Amino acid sequence: MMTEFGGVKVTEQQAEGWGYGKDAKNYEEMVKRIDELVTMLEGEPEICGYCYTQLTDVEQEVNGLMTYDRQVKVAPEQLAEIFGRKRY
């Protein structure tokens, strides 16, 4: 079980803080990177599930799927398409 992965910071957001890896330039790139990460996990037979990190931005981490004040960064349907795929 991959219990924590993801956390893509987006430069376009212009928020102070950090995320994992290189910042995505914009939200479109963020979605693409999330899709690539999930696809990679789906290809690993030893992994039976995952927990994306993180749902919302918090204090110093601006790598959530929503902002600190719970505003969506991208359409939830885009994320549902990625996270809702039949995997196992």
C-alpha atoms as a PDB file:
ATOM      1  CA  MET A   1       0.000   0.000   0.000  1.00  0.00           C
ATOM      2  CA  MET A   2       1.444   3.361  -1.003  1.00  0.00           C
ATOM      3  CA  THR A   3       0.303   5.460   1.945  1.00  0.00           C
ATOM      4  CA  GLU A   4       1.582   8.835   0.757  1.00  0.00           C
ATOM      5  CA  PHE A   5       2.502  10.115  -2.676  1.00  0.00           C
ATOM      6  CA  GLY A   6       1.886  13.109  -4.912  1.00  0.00           C
ATOM      7  CA  GLY A   7       1.808  16.590  -3.477  1.00  0.00           C
ATOM      8  CA  VAL A   8       2.383  18.637  -6.633  1.00  0.00           C
ATOM      9  CA  LYS A   9       2.980  22.359  -6.076  1.00  0.00           C
ATOM     10  CA  VAL A  10       1.802  24.665  -8.882  1.00  0.00           C
ATOM     11  CA  THR A  11       3.742  27.840  -9.765  1.00  0.00           C
ATOM     12  CA  GLU A  12       0.597  29.387 -11.299  1.00  0.00           C
ATOM     13  CA  GLN A  13      -0.995  29.421  -7.823  1.00  0.00           C
ATOM     14  CA  GLN A  14       1.633  31.917  -6.609  1.00  0.00           C
ATOM     15  CA  ALA A  15       1.456  30.612  -3.046  1.00  0.00           C
ATOM     16  CA  GLU A  16       4.318  30.553  -0.582  1.00  0.00           C
ATOM     17  CA  GLY A  17       5.309  27.066   0.493  1.00  0.00           C
ATOM     18  CA  TRP A  18       6.568  23.817  -0.936  1.00  0.00           C
ATOM     19  CA  GLY A  19       5.551  20.595  -2.643  1.00  0.00           C
ATOM     20  CA  TYR A  20       7.264  17.380  -3.653  1.00  0.00           C
ATOM     21  CA  GLY A  21       9.570  17.331  -6.662  1.00  0.00           C
ATOM     22  CA  LYS A  22       9.738  20.024  -9.300  1.00  0.00           C
ATOM     23  CA  ASP A  23       6.849  22.514  -9.315  1.00  0.00           C
ATOM     24  CA  ALA A  24       4.260  22.169 -12.061  1.00  0.00           C
ATOM     25  CA  LYS A  25       4.011  25.367 -14.142  1.00  0.00           C
ATOM     26  CA  ASN A  26       0.202  25.367 -14.225  1.00  0.00           C
ATOM     27  CA  TYR A  27      -2.838  23.345 -13.188  1.00  0.00           C
ATOM     28  CA  GLU A  28      -2.932  21.483 -16.492  1.00  0.00           C
ATOM     29  CA  GLU A  29       0.586  20.211 -15.815  1.00  0.00           C
ATOM     30  CA  MET A  30      -0.437  19.327 -12.240  1.00  0.00           C
ATOM     31  CA  VAL A  31      -3.244  17.077 -13.535  1.00  0.00           C
ATOM     32  CA  LYS A  32      -0.890  15.497 -16.076  1.00  0.00           C
ATOM     33  CA  ARG A  33       1.688  14.763 -13.380  1.00  0.00           C
ATOM     34  CA  ILE A  34      -0.934  13.278 -11.045  1.00  0.00           C
ATOM     35  CA  ASP A  35      -2.141  11.068 -13.891  1.00  0.00           C
ATOM     36  CA  GLU A  36       1.419   9.908 -14.572  1.00  0.00           C
ATOM     37  CA  LEU A  37       2.015   9.130 -10.884  1.00  0.00           C
ATOM     38  CA  VAL A  38      -1.207   7.110 -10.610  1.00  0.00           C
ATOM     39  CA  THR A  39      -0.460   5.271 -13.867  1.00  0.00           C
ATOM     40  CA  MET A  40       2.977   4.337 -12.533  1.00  0.00           C
ATOM     41  CA  LEU A  41       1.469   2.971  -9.310  1.00  0.00           C
ATOM     42  CA  GLU A  42      -1.143   1.030 -11.255  1.00  0.00           C
ATOM     43  CA  GLY A  43       1.667  -0.742 -13.094  1.00  0.00           C
ATOM     44  CA  GLU A  44       3.278  -2.046  -9.915  1.00  0.00           C
ATOM     45  CA  PRO A  45       1.846  -5.479  -9.054  1.00  0.00           C
ATOM     46  CA  GLU A  46       3.064  -5.251  -5.441  1.00  0.00           C
ATOM     47  CA  ILE A  47       0.953  -2.142  -4.779  1.00  0.00           C
ATOM     48  CA  CYS A  48      -2.676  -2.862  -3.897  1.00  0.00           C
ATOM     49  CA  GLY A  49      -3.832   0.699  -3.167  1.00  0.00           C
ATOM     50  CA  TYR A  50      -2.738   4.250  -2.445  1.00  0.00           C
ATOM     51  CA  CYS A  51      -3.491   7.443  -0.559  1.00  0.00           C
ATOM     52  CA  TYR A  52      -2.821  10.695  -2.419  1.00  0.00           C
ATOM     53  CA  THR A  53      -1.166  13.468  -0.447  1.00  0.00           C
ATOM     54  CA  GLN A  54      -2.686  15.787   0.109  1.00  0.00           C
ATOM     55  CA  LEU A  55      -6.317  16.837  -0.049  1.00  0.00           C
ATOM     56  CA  THR A  56      -5.779  20.507   0.843  1.00  0.00           C
ATOM     57  CA  ASP A  57      -2.952  22.979   1.185  1.00  0.00           C
ATOM     58  CA  VAL A  58      -1.814  23.373   4.799  1.00  0.00           C
ATOM     59  CA  GLU A  59       0.373  26.010   6.420  1.00  0.00           C
ATOM     60  CA  GLN A  60       3.745  25.602   4.633  1.00  0.00           C
ATOM     61  CA  GLU A  61       2.671  22.899   2.150  1.00  0.00           C
ATOM     62  CA  VAL A  62       0.882  24.200  -0.955  1.00  0.00           C
ATOM     63  CA  ASN A  63       0.652  20.875  -2.737  1.00  0.00           C
ATOM     64  CA  GLY A  64      -2.965  19.898  -2.131  1.00  0.00           C
ATOM     65  CA  LEU A  65      -5.811  19.239  -4.529  1.00  0.00           C
ATOM     66  CA  MET A  66      -7.590  22.225  -2.948  1.00  0.00           C
ATOM     67  CA  THR A  67      -6.328  25.533  -1.584  1.00  0.00           C
ATOM     68  CA  TYR A  68      -5.938  26.284   2.128  1.00  0.00           C
ATOM     69  CA  ASP A  69      -9.465  27.787   2.169  1.00  0.00           C
ATOM     70  CA  ARG A  70     -10.887  24.681   0.405  1.00  0.00           C
ATOM     71  CA  GLN A  71     -11.263  26.070  -3.114  1.00  0.00           C
ATOM     72  CA  VAL A  72     -10.763  23.485  -5.852  1.00  0.00           C
ATOM     73  CA  LYS A  73      -7.680  23.920  -8.026  1.00  0.00           C
ATOM     74  CA  VAL A  74      -9.059  21.876 -10.921  1.00  0.00           C
ATOM     75  CA  ALA A  75     -12.454  20.451 -11.811  1.00  0.00           C
ATOM     76  CA  PRO A  76     -13.187  17.499  -9.502  1.00  0.00           C
ATOM     77  CA  GLU A  77     -14.268  15.520 -12.572  1.00  0.00           C
ATOM     78  CA  GLN A  78     -10.690  15.608 -13.871  1.00  0.00           C
ATOM     79  CA  LEU A  79      -9.406  14.084 -10.650  1.00  0.00           C
ATOM     80  CA  ALA A  80     -12.273  11.580 -10.429  1.00  0.00           C
ATOM     81  CA  GLU A  81     -11.313  10.327 -13.881  1.00  0.00           C
ATOM     82  CA  ILE A  82      -7.779   9.635 -12.672  1.00  0.00           C
ATOM     83  CA  PHE A  83      -8.476   8.337  -9.173  1.00  0.00           C
ATOM     84  CA  GLY A  84     -11.604   6.420 -10.198  1.00  0.00           C
ATOM     85  CA  ARG A  85     -10.047   4.168 -12.819  1.00  0.00           C
ATOM     86  CA  LYS A  86     -10.456   0.448 -12.404  1.00  0.00           C
ATOM     87  CA  ARG A  87      -7.034  -0.591 -11.179  1.00  0.00           C
ATOM     88  CA  TYR A  88      -6.828  -3.996  -9.611  1.00  0.00           C
END
